[in-house]
N, C-alpha and C. Protein backbone atom coordinates (compact mmCIF):
# COMPACT_ATOMS: atom_id res chain seq x y z
N UNK A 1 97.68 26.08 24.20
CA UNK A 1 97.13 26.66 23.71
C UNK A 1 96.19 26.08 22.00
N UNK A 2 95.45 26.98 21.41
CA UNK A 2 95.00 26.06 19.98
C UNK A 2 95.90 26.75 18.96
N UNK A 3 95.32 26.57 17.94
CA UNK A 3 96.01 27.50 16.87
C UNK A 3 95.36 27.89 16.00
N UNK A 4 94.41 28.80 15.93
CA UNK A 4 93.55 29.79 14.55
C UNK A 4 94.19 29.55 13.12
N UNK A 5 93.40 29.53 12.06
CA UNK A 5 94.67 29.35 11.13
C UNK A 5 93.18 30.14 9.62
N UNK A 6 93.31 30.79 9.18
CA UNK A 6 92.33 31.17 8.41
C UNK A 6 93.26 31.82 7.13
N UNK A 7 92.55 31.00 6.16
CA UNK A 7 93.01 30.63 4.85
C UNK A 7 92.17 32.02 3.83
N UNK A 8 92.75 31.95 3.28
CA UNK A 8 92.17 33.34 1.76
C UNK A 8 92.25 33.41 0.92
N UNK A 9 91.63 33.21 -0.51
CA UNK A 9 91.81 33.11 -1.71
C UNK A 9 90.46 33.59 -2.65
N UNK A 10 90.82 34.31 -3.70
CA UNK A 10 89.34 34.66 -4.51
C UNK A 10 89.91 33.63 -5.95
N UNK A 11 88.68 33.53 -6.42
CA UNK A 11 88.50 32.48 -7.08
C UNK A 11 88.02 33.02 -7.87
N UNK A 12 87.52 32.79 -9.76
CA UNK A 12 86.64 33.34 -10.56
C UNK A 12 85.93 32.45 -10.77
N UNK A 13 84.56 32.61 -11.73
CA UNK A 13 83.89 31.14 -12.05
C UNK A 13 83.75 30.14 -12.14
N UNK A 14 85.06 29.71 -13.06
CA UNK A 14 85.65 29.37 -13.13
C UNK A 14 86.82 27.78 -12.70
N UNK A 15 86.64 28.38 -11.43
CA UNK A 15 87.69 27.91 -10.51
C UNK A 15 89.37 28.48 -10.62
N UNK A 16 89.60 29.33 -11.38
CA UNK A 16 90.92 29.40 -11.13
C UNK A 16 91.07 30.51 -10.63
N UNK A 17 91.75 30.48 -9.28
CA UNK A 17 92.63 31.21 -8.65
C UNK A 17 93.49 32.94 -9.59
N UNK A 18 92.25 33.76 -8.21
CA UNK A 18 92.81 34.98 -8.57
C UNK A 18 93.89 35.57 -7.98
N UNK A 19 93.90 35.52 -6.30
CA UNK A 19 94.39 36.07 -5.96
C UNK A 19 94.96 34.59 -4.72
N UNK A 20 96.28 34.21 -4.89
CA UNK A 20 97.05 33.50 -4.32
C UNK A 20 96.05 33.29 -2.62
N UNK A 21 95.93 31.58 -2.55
CA UNK A 21 95.73 31.82 -0.83
C UNK A 21 96.89 31.99 -0.39
N UNK A 22 96.04 32.87 0.99
CA UNK A 22 96.87 33.85 2.02
C UNK A 22 97.06 32.73 3.03
N UNK A 23 97.57 31.97 4.33
CA UNK A 23 97.03 31.73 5.48
C UNK A 23 97.82 32.74 6.42
N UNK A 24 96.42 33.09 7.66
CA UNK A 24 96.93 33.56 8.76
C UNK A 24 96.60 32.81 10.30
N UNK A 25 97.75 33.48 11.30
CA UNK A 25 97.58 32.41 11.78
C UNK A 25 97.58 33.36 13.77
N UNK A 26 97.09 32.40 14.59
CA UNK A 26 97.08 33.32 15.57
C UNK A 26 96.97 31.85 16.97
N UNK A 27 96.79 32.53 18.43
CA UNK A 27 97.11 31.25 19.52
C UNK A 27 95.70 31.54 19.71
N UNK A 28 94.71 30.96 19.97
CA UNK A 28 93.70 30.72 20.65
C UNK A 28 93.60 29.93 22.09
N UNK A 29 92.99 30.05 22.79
CA UNK A 29 92.52 29.14 24.20
C UNK A 29 92.51 28.12 23.78
N UNK A 30 92.74 26.88 23.89
CA UNK A 30 92.22 25.22 23.63
C UNK A 30 91.20 25.06 24.53
N UNK A 31 90.33 24.06 24.40
CA UNK A 31 89.31 23.39 25.09
C UNK A 31 89.27 23.43 26.74
N UNK A 32 90.43 22.91 26.74
CA UNK A 32 90.40 22.76 28.86
C UNK A 32 90.95 24.12 29.10
N UNK A 33 90.71 25.58 28.06
CA UNK A 33 91.47 26.64 29.04
C UNK A 33 89.38 26.95 28.89
N UNK A 34 88.40 26.50 28.70
CA UNK A 34 87.04 27.22 29.15
C UNK A 34 86.83 25.73 29.84
N UNK A 35 87.30 26.29 31.37
CA UNK A 35 86.92 25.01 32.51
C UNK A 35 85.49 25.54 33.32
N UNK A 36 85.01 26.12 32.90
CA UNK A 36 83.68 26.60 33.77
C UNK A 36 82.90 28.02 33.35
N UNK A 37 81.46 28.26 34.24
CA UNK A 37 80.80 29.02 33.53
C UNK A 37 81.50 30.14 34.41
N UNK A 38 81.84 30.72 35.36
CA UNK A 38 82.67 31.41 36.04
C UNK A 38 83.96 32.55 35.60
N UNK A 39 84.26 31.13 34.31
CA UNK A 39 85.25 32.09 33.42
C UNK A 39 85.39 32.09 31.68
N UNK A 40 83.55 31.79 31.41
CA UNK A 40 83.37 31.16 30.51
C UNK A 40 83.94 32.75 29.58
N UNK A 41 82.92 33.67 29.63
CA UNK A 41 83.12 35.20 28.75
C UNK A 41 85.26 35.43 28.88
N UNK A 42 85.36 35.41 30.23
CA UNK A 42 86.61 35.45 29.91
C UNK A 42 87.83 35.46 28.98
N UNK A 43 87.17 34.39 29.40
CA UNK A 43 88.02 32.80 27.70
C UNK A 43 87.34 33.02 26.31
N UNK A 44 86.42 33.24 26.66
CA UNK A 44 85.50 33.35 24.99
C UNK A 44 86.27 34.74 24.58
N UNK A 45 86.52 35.99 25.05
CA UNK A 45 86.98 37.07 24.58
C UNK A 45 88.37 36.58 23.76
N UNK A 46 89.70 35.39 24.74
CA UNK A 46 90.77 35.89 24.46
C UNK A 46 90.49 34.94 22.70
N UNK A 47 89.38 34.31 22.79
CA UNK A 47 88.91 33.94 21.58
C UNK A 47 88.56 34.82 20.55
N UNK A 48 87.28 35.50 20.53
CA UNK A 48 86.75 35.96 19.93
C UNK A 48 87.95 37.33 18.91
N UNK A 49 88.40 38.24 19.92
CA UNK A 49 89.47 39.15 19.87
C UNK A 49 90.45 38.80 18.47
N UNK A 50 91.49 38.06 19.07
CA UNK A 50 92.24 37.18 17.82
C UNK A 50 91.65 36.95 16.58
N UNK A 51 90.31 36.05 16.88
CA UNK A 51 89.89 35.61 15.96
C UNK A 51 89.35 37.48 14.95
N UNK A 52 88.83 37.67 14.97
CA UNK A 52 87.69 39.32 14.94
C UNK A 52 89.43 39.76 14.16
N UNK A 53 90.26 40.23 15.32
CA UNK A 53 91.24 40.45 14.00
C UNK A 53 92.49 39.67 12.86
N UNK A 54 92.07 38.68 13.46
CA UNK A 54 92.90 37.56 12.35
C UNK A 54 92.02 38.44 10.51
N UNK A 55 90.59 37.69 11.10
CA UNK A 55 89.70 37.92 10.21
C UNK A 55 89.63 39.12 9.32
N UNK A 56 89.75 39.69 10.06
CA UNK A 56 90.02 41.63 9.27
C UNK A 56 91.01 42.00 8.50
N UNK A 57 92.34 41.15 9.20
CA UNK A 57 93.21 41.45 8.61
C UNK A 57 93.55 40.57 7.35
N UNK A 58 93.45 39.28 6.95
CA UNK A 58 92.96 37.92 6.11
C UNK A 58 92.15 38.96 5.11
N UNK A 59 90.77 39.87 5.35
CA UNK A 59 89.36 39.98 4.42
C UNK A 59 90.61 41.38 3.52
N UNK A 60 91.26 41.89 4.54
CA UNK A 60 91.91 43.68 3.68
C UNK A 60 92.78 43.34 3.14
N UNK A 61 93.33 42.15 3.52
CA UNK A 61 95.04 41.94 2.15
C UNK A 61 94.94 41.62 1.50
N UNK A 62 93.97 40.11 1.20
CA UNK A 62 93.14 39.33 0.16
C UNK A 62 92.95 40.34 -0.59
N UNK A 63 91.74 41.45 -0.51
CA UNK A 63 90.93 42.34 -0.95
C UNK A 63 91.72 43.55 -1.52
N UNK A 64 92.48 43.70 -1.20
CA UNK A 64 94.07 44.48 -1.43
C UNK A 64 94.57 43.88 -2.88
N UNK A 65 95.35 42.29 -2.64
CA UNK A 65 95.45 41.89 -3.77
C UNK A 65 94.39 41.75 -4.74
N UNK A 66 93.50 41.69 -4.47
CA UNK A 66 92.23 41.47 -5.49
C UNK A 66 91.93 43.12 -6.02
N UNK A 67 92.24 43.89 -5.81
CA UNK A 67 91.83 45.39 -6.08
C UNK A 67 93.40 45.35 -6.90
N UNK A 68 94.74 44.92 -6.55
CA UNK A 68 95.98 44.84 -7.33
C UNK A 68 95.96 44.37 -8.67
N UNK A 69 95.20 43.70 -8.35
CA UNK A 69 95.55 42.65 -10.21
C UNK A 69 94.29 43.60 -10.32
N UNK A 70 92.65 43.63 -10.30
CA UNK A 70 92.85 44.23 -11.44
C UNK A 70 93.13 45.42 -11.96
N UNK A 71 93.52 46.14 -10.87
CA UNK A 71 94.20 46.73 -11.42
C UNK A 71 95.43 47.34 -13.16
N UNK A 72 95.59 45.29 -12.65
CA UNK A 72 96.36 45.69 -13.53
C UNK A 72 95.76 45.58 -15.35
N UNK A 73 94.82 44.93 -15.22
CA UNK A 73 93.96 44.26 -16.40
C UNK A 73 93.51 45.33 -17.34
N UNK A 74 93.13 45.01 -18.47
CA UNK A 74 92.37 46.63 -19.39
C UNK A 74 91.12 46.26 -19.73
N UNK A 75 90.39 47.17 -19.06
CA UNK A 75 88.64 47.04 -19.43
C UNK A 75 88.85 46.51 -20.78
N UNK A 76 87.19 45.36 -20.58
CA UNK A 76 86.69 45.02 -21.97
C UNK A 76 86.18 46.17 -22.63
N UNK A 77 85.91 46.60 -24.01
CA UNK A 77 85.37 47.06 -23.95
C UNK A 77 84.01 46.83 -24.53
N UNK A 78 83.10 47.83 -24.25
CA UNK A 78 81.64 46.98 -24.23
C UNK A 78 81.04 47.68 -25.75
N UNK A 79 80.63 47.10 -26.25
CA UNK A 79 79.63 47.36 -27.62
C UNK A 79 79.12 48.60 -27.53
N UNK A 80 79.20 49.70 -28.19
CA UNK A 80 78.47 50.57 -28.95
C UNK A 80 76.83 50.48 -28.36
N UNK A 81 76.07 51.49 -27.83
CA UNK A 81 75.00 51.29 -28.28
C UNK A 81 74.43 51.83 -28.84
N UNK A 82 73.10 50.89 -30.11
CA UNK A 82 72.76 51.72 -31.41
C UNK A 82 71.31 52.36 -30.38
N UNK A 83 72.15 53.66 -31.36
CA UNK A 83 70.84 54.68 -30.72
C UNK A 83 69.61 54.74 -31.47
């Protein structure tokens, strides 16, 4: 089996890391597991399903951390509009 590693982080425009890097791992089929046309789709599903689950978990947890950090910040005051 091979290992899939998905790493996520959120950085500001100036490159400052807002949400720390997180890595998520899952086992996926190795090249040798793709043995031919007869088993391609079965093996592909063994690759696709953990990949999608890992991607969703990664995005969800990273966004939760980002929103948590946002909630700790005080909003910038907007200048009053002249009427």
